[in-house]
Amino acid sequence: MNYIIGMDVGTTATKGVLYDENGKDIFSARYGYPLIQEEVNQAEEDPQLIFDAVQNTIFKLAQKVKGQIAAISWSSQMHSLIGLGRNNELLTNSITWADNRCAKVVEKAKKSGLARKIYEKTGMPMHPMAPIYKLMWLKNERPELFNHAEKWCGIKEYLIWRLTGKLITDTTMAAGIGMLNLKTLDWDQELLELLEIDQNKLPKIVKPTQVIAAVYPEYVQKLGISTDTKIILGASDGYLSTIGVNAIDSDHFALNVGTSGAVRTIVAQPKIDQNASYFCYPVDKQHYLLGGPINNGGIVFNWARQTLFDANEIPQDFLDVAQTAPAGSRSLIFLPYLGGERAPIWDANARGSFVGLTRMHQKPEMARAVIEGIIFNLYDAAFSLIKNTKKPVAINATGGFLKSDFVRQLCANIFNIPIVTMKEEQSGTLAAMFLARQALGWSKKLDEIVQFAQEDKVYFPNEKEVAVYQKLFPLYCEIRNDLAASYRKISR
């Protein structure tokens, strides 16, 4: 029996799933690592700790194999940045998407029009998550480090280099840097010149199904794999989480909500939004990933449960209470920007708020308003996608926040679109496994992923509640706009 390992290198943990040659998941493993937050807005990780987690994960999975691991394929967090020296030694930690220290650089680029130019060239939103702005910040604030760096890469590229000695990237990960030209699908020369970075300092770009060089012999032994095990380059978690729920065309959106969340779709041509409210990342010249990532998903739900209720109460207690309130929470609106926000407002200074609170509102209304607010924010992120593409026939959904039937039905009612849940929750590792199947010749076309990404339940919109939310959503947007000017003052 041959096996494939699908790896998912996340922000706080690496997960791995072992699949047999028929695509059935056999076993999973997970190892975590801390965020380094020693100063305001810092969010870094130690690449060595992540590499250790990767090794432990692969080794644990390899022990479950009765046969041979044919391939290891990768899904990875986007927007990380690592500087390497002359001998590829680490000059920096992995600066993650959540690091906001370049916020002033972004504001300056917005005012000058540079940020808009970058968005139009690359599809990268105007936000500190983008490595192009981190590079500008390092160039200004730490010029000695910036000039000493011989290579710049992300965490997936670093991990694969450690295992194989090859420093390369795929199109979907390159798109997350903010320097990949939408038209040429290569590093944009004008932006390289702006940063004074030679193209040779960036990884070579190849397709996600590329088979990399053999694993170094020392790691073959450490990981418990074969010398014949192939390393498949893989892709970004954004792209793989989308195709991993069989959202492979513009008729379907993918919705994933865990601690944070995202709504995404795939289209045949690049589509830029006039308000730059979503990203547009190329996969190849026939597929472009559009979407809006949000900071405030399940993390806000957990905050509300622990703050508004007894901290010892379980999530289901919170959901049970929320269900006793009517749709719309008696006109109580919650803006969930507890951690700033990316899509659709792209404002790191944004703050959360209850609006419309009166003495008649009790815990049920507040609990339901929190859940509705999180979903309104997701719908807000999807609204521009719908406006610039089309309304999908269904939204394929996964994630811990969406475990409840109540929350799934709320999504269907607020989006006014059927919500389809999937049998397989690990959409990223599943899609990474599928890329490996393509690389090995076991699968041919992208639409064959439907064999593995199978539907579970469908939740259809309730017309009565849809009508309530269609009236409330414009008010939600009005309040969001009215408070925007106050966020910067509050954050100061």
Foldseek 3Di string as FASTA:
>chain_A
DEKEKFWEAELFKIKIFIAHPLLHTDDMDMDTFDFDPPDPLFTFGALVVSLVRVLVGLQVVLVVDPDAHQAYFYAYAALWKWFAAPVRHTPDTTGALSRQPLVVVLVVCVVVVNQVVLCVFQLDFSASSAQLSVLVVCCVPPVVSSVRGQAMDHSLQVSVCQFFVARAAEQQRVSRNSQQGQVPSAGHPVSCVVSVHDSSRYHHYDAQLDWGHFTPPVSCVSSVHDSNYTYGSHHYLQVLQCLLLVQAEPQEWEWEFAQWIKIKHKYQCFDAFPLSQWGWGDNDNGIIMIMWIWNHGVVLLLVCCVPQHPNPDDSVVLVVLLVVADQCLVVKAKARCCQHIRGRPNGRLDHIDIPPDDPVRDSNSVSNNSLLNNLLRNLRRCVSVCVGRNQHQEYEYAYDRPPDPVSQQSNCLLNVHKYWYWPDRPSNSSSRVVSNCCSVVVDPDSSVSCSNGDTDDIHHHDVVSSVVNVVCSVVNVVVVVVCVVVSVVVSD
